[in-house]
Amino acid sequence: MALAVAGKQEGRLEVSEDEILTLRDVAERLKTSVKSVRRRIRDGHLRAFKEGGRVLVLKSDLDDYLRRQIEATATR
């Protein structure tokens, strides 16, 4: 699912195209459980938002999370 998403830049809203993922989508991509994805969101490691009672994740936020995980393991 793709949608225009608003973000802030210098006090203004900026609109960009981004894919929106469900928790199940994220779990499948990470090869883990939805419960584990929820824990990563709760602990502040992965950004998410609620829309219509559903918790959703932008693909760009998942990409950022993965990049941070790769960098953290590379520096060990």
N, C-alpha and C. Protein backbone atom coordinates (compact mmCIF):
# COMPACT_ATOMS: atom_id res chain seq x y z
N MET A 1 0.84 -1.17 0.00
CA MET A 1 0.00 0.00 0.00
C MET A 1 0.89 1.24 0.00
N ALA A 2 0.70 2.15 -0.92
CA ALA A 2 1.49 3.38 -0.97
C ALA A 2 0.57 4.56 -0.67
N LEU A 3 1.12 5.55 -0.02
CA LEU A 3 0.31 6.69 0.39
C LEU A 3 1.21 7.90 0.54
N ALA A 4 0.67 9.08 0.32
CA ALA A 4 1.43 10.29 0.58
C ALA A 4 1.43 10.52 2.08
N VAL A 5 2.59 10.77 2.63
CA VAL A 5 2.74 10.93 4.07
C VAL A 5 3.36 12.28 4.35
N ALA A 6 2.86 12.96 5.36
CA ALA A 6 3.38 14.28 5.70
C ALA A 6 4.50 14.15 6.71
N GLY A 7 5.52 14.98 6.56
CA GLY A 7 6.62 15.05 7.50
C GLY A 7 6.99 16.50 7.73
N LYS A 8 7.67 16.80 8.82
CA LYS A 8 8.02 18.18 9.13
C LYS A 8 9.43 18.51 8.66
N GLN A 9 9.56 19.70 8.12
CA GLN A 9 10.87 20.21 7.74
C GLN A 9 10.84 21.72 7.95
N GLU A 10 11.63 22.21 8.90
CA GLU A 10 11.70 23.63 9.21
C GLU A 10 10.31 24.24 9.42
N GLY A 11 9.47 23.59 10.23
CA GLY A 11 8.17 24.13 10.56
C GLY A 11 7.10 23.96 9.49
N ARG A 12 7.48 23.40 8.35
CA ARG A 12 6.51 23.19 7.27
C ARG A 12 6.24 21.71 7.13
N LEU A 13 5.10 21.38 6.57
CA LEU A 13 4.81 19.99 6.28
C LEU A 13 5.31 19.65 4.88
N GLU A 14 5.98 18.53 4.79
CA GLU A 14 6.50 18.08 3.50
C GLU A 14 5.81 16.75 3.18
N VAL A 15 5.36 16.59 1.95
CA VAL A 15 4.66 15.37 1.57
C VAL A 15 5.58 14.54 0.69
N SER A 16 5.65 13.24 1.02
CA SER A 16 6.47 12.33 0.22
C SER A 16 5.72 11.02 0.04
N GLU A 17 6.11 10.27 -0.95
CA GLU A 17 5.49 8.98 -1.24
C GLU A 17 6.24 7.91 -0.44
N ASP A 18 5.50 7.08 0.30
CA ASP A 18 6.13 6.04 1.10
C ASP A 18 5.17 4.85 1.20
N GLU A 19 5.73 3.66 1.31
CA GLU A 19 4.92 2.46 1.46
C GLU A 19 4.55 2.28 2.93
N ILE A 20 3.31 1.88 3.18
CA ILE A 20 2.84 1.66 4.55
C ILE A 20 2.70 0.16 4.77
N LEU A 21 3.29 -0.31 5.87
CA LEU A 21 3.31 -1.73 6.18
C LEU A 21 2.50 -2.02 7.44
N THR A 22 1.82 -3.16 7.45
CA THR A 22 1.16 -3.63 8.66
C THR A 22 2.20 -4.32 9.53
N LEU A 23 1.85 -4.59 10.78
CA LEU A 23 2.78 -5.29 11.65
C LEU A 23 3.09 -6.68 11.11
N ARG A 24 2.12 -7.31 10.49
CA ARG A 24 2.35 -8.63 9.88
C ARG A 24 3.36 -8.51 8.73
N ASP A 25 3.23 -7.46 7.90
CA ASP A 25 4.19 -7.23 6.81
C ASP A 25 5.60 -7.09 7.37
N VAL A 26 5.74 -6.28 8.43
CA VAL A 26 7.05 -6.04 9.04
C VAL A 26 7.60 -7.35 9.60
N ALA A 27 6.76 -8.11 10.31
CA ALA A 27 7.20 -9.38 10.88
C ALA A 27 7.69 -10.33 9.80
N GLU A 28 6.99 -10.39 8.69
CA GLU A 28 7.39 -11.27 7.58
C GLU A 28 8.74 -10.83 7.01
N ARG A 29 8.93 -9.53 6.85
CA ARG A 29 10.19 -9.03 6.29
C ARG A 29 11.36 -9.28 7.25
N LEU A 30 11.09 -9.21 8.56
CA LEU A 30 12.14 -9.44 9.55
C LEU A 30 12.27 -10.91 9.93
N LYS A 31 11.36 -11.72 9.41
CA LYS A 31 11.32 -13.16 9.73
C LYS A 31 11.24 -13.36 11.25
N THR A 32 10.27 -12.67 11.84
CA THR A 32 10.03 -12.74 13.28
C THR A 32 8.54 -12.68 13.54
N SER A 33 8.14 -12.62 14.79
CA SER A 33 6.72 -12.60 15.14
C SER A 33 6.20 -11.17 15.24
N VAL A 34 4.88 -11.03 15.14
CA VAL A 34 4.24 -9.73 15.32
C VAL A 34 4.51 -9.24 16.74
N LYS A 35 4.52 -10.16 17.71
CA LYS A 35 4.79 -9.79 19.11
C LYS A 35 6.17 -9.14 19.24
N SER A 36 7.16 -9.68 18.53
CA SER A 36 8.50 -9.12 18.56
C SER A 36 8.53 -7.73 17.92
N VAL A 37 7.79 -7.54 16.85
CA VAL A 37 7.70 -6.22 16.20
C VAL A 37 7.07 -5.22 17.17
N ARG A 38 5.99 -5.62 17.83
CA ARG A 38 5.34 -4.74 18.82
C ARG A 38 6.32 -4.34 19.92
N ARG A 39 7.14 -5.28 20.38
CA ARG A 39 8.13 -5.01 21.43
C ARG A 39 9.15 -3.97 20.93
N ARG A 40 9.61 -4.11 19.69
CA ARG A 40 10.57 -3.15 19.13
C ARG A 40 9.96 -1.75 19.04
N ILE A 41 8.67 -1.69 18.72
CA ILE A 41 7.97 -0.40 18.67
C ILE A 41 7.84 0.16 20.09
N ARG A 42 7.40 -0.66 21.01
CA ARG A 42 7.21 -0.23 22.41
C ARG A 42 8.51 0.28 23.01
N ASP A 43 9.62 -0.38 22.70
CA ASP A 43 10.92 -0.01 23.26
C ASP A 43 11.56 1.18 22.54
N GLY A 44 10.90 1.68 21.48
CA GLY A 44 11.38 2.86 20.78
C GLY A 44 12.42 2.59 19.71
N HIS A 45 12.61 1.34 19.36
CA HIS A 45 13.60 0.99 18.33
C HIS A 45 13.04 1.15 16.91
N LEU A 46 11.73 1.02 16.76
CA LEU A 46 11.08 1.08 15.46
C LEU A 46 9.90 2.05 15.55
N ARG A 47 9.87 3.03 14.66
CA ARG A 47 8.77 4.01 14.65
C ARG A 47 7.52 3.41 14.04
N ALA A 48 6.37 3.81 14.58
CA ALA A 48 5.08 3.35 14.07
C ALA A 48 4.04 4.43 14.35
N PHE A 49 2.88 4.29 13.74
CA PHE A 49 1.78 5.20 14.00
C PHE A 49 0.47 4.43 13.93
N LYS A 50 -0.58 5.02 14.50
CA LYS A 50 -1.89 4.39 14.48
C LYS A 50 -2.79 5.11 13.48
N GLU A 51 -3.53 4.33 12.75
CA GLU A 51 -4.52 4.86 11.81
C GLU A 51 -5.72 3.93 11.85
N GLY A 52 -6.85 4.45 12.25
CA GLY A 52 -8.07 3.65 12.30
C GLY A 52 -7.95 2.45 13.23
N GLY A 53 -7.20 2.62 14.32
CA GLY A 53 -7.05 1.54 15.29
C GLY A 53 -5.98 0.52 14.93
N ARG A 54 -5.37 0.66 13.76
CA ARG A 54 -4.30 -0.27 13.35
C ARG A 54 -2.95 0.39 13.55
N VAL A 55 -1.96 -0.39 13.94
CA VAL A 55 -0.59 0.09 14.08
C VAL A 55 0.11 -0.18 12.75
N LEU A 56 0.70 0.88 12.18
CA LEU A 56 1.34 0.78 10.87
C LEU A 56 2.76 1.33 10.94
N VAL A 57 3.59 0.90 10.00
CA VAL A 57 4.99 1.31 9.94
C VAL A 57 5.30 1.76 8.52
N LEU A 58 5.97 2.88 8.40
CA LEU A 58 6.42 3.32 7.08
C LEU A 58 7.63 2.47 6.68
N LYS A 59 7.69 2.12 5.41
CA LYS A 59 8.83 1.32 4.93
C LYS A 59 10.13 2.05 5.17
N SER A 60 10.14 3.36 5.03
CA SER A 60 11.36 4.13 5.26
C SER A 60 11.81 4.03 6.72
N ASP A 61 10.86 3.94 7.66
CA ASP A 61 11.22 3.75 9.07
C ASP A 61 11.77 2.35 9.31
N LEU A 62 11.22 1.35 8.63
CA LEU A 62 11.76 0.00 8.74
C LEU A 62 13.18 -0.04 8.15
N ASP A 63 13.38 0.64 7.02
CA ASP A 63 14.71 0.70 6.42
C ASP A 63 15.72 1.36 7.36
N ASP A 64 15.29 2.45 8.03
CA ASP A 64 16.16 3.13 9.00
C ASP A 64 16.51 2.20 10.16
N TYR A 65 15.52 1.48 10.66
CA TYR A 65 15.75 0.53 11.75
C TYR A 65 16.78 -0.53 11.32
N LEU A 66 16.61 -1.09 10.14
CA LEU A 66 17.53 -2.12 9.65
C LEU A 66 18.94 -1.55 9.47
N ARG A 67 19.04 -0.34 8.96
CA ARG A 67 20.34 0.31 8.78
C ARG A 67 21.04 0.46 10.13
N ARG A 68 20.30 0.91 11.15
CA ARG A 68 20.89 1.05 12.49
C ARG A 68 21.33 -0.29 13.05
N GLN A 69 20.54 -1.34 12.81
CA GLN A 69 20.90 -2.68 13.30
C GLN A 69 22.18 -3.18 12.62
N ILE A 70 22.29 -2.94 11.33
CA ILE A 70 23.47 -3.37 10.59
C ILE A 70 24.70 -2.61 11.08
N GLU A 71 24.56 -1.29 11.26
CA GLU A 71 25.68 -0.49 11.75
C GLU A 71 26.10 -0.92 13.15
N ALA A 72 25.14 -1.24 14.01
CA ALA A 72 25.44 -1.64 15.38
C ALA A 72 26.20 -2.97 15.40
N THR A 73 25.84 -3.88 14.53
CA THR A 73 26.53 -5.19 14.50
C THR A 73 27.88 -5.07 13.81
N ALA A 74 28.02 -4.15 12.89
CA ALA A 74 29.28 -3.98 12.17
C ALA A 74 30.35 -3.37 13.08
N THR A 75 29.94 -2.61 14.09
CA THR A 75 30.91 -1.94 14.97
C THR A 75 31.27 -2.77 16.19
N ARG A 76 30.71 -3.95 16.30
CA ARG A 76 31.02 -4.79 17.47
C ARG A 76 32.34 -5.47 17.34
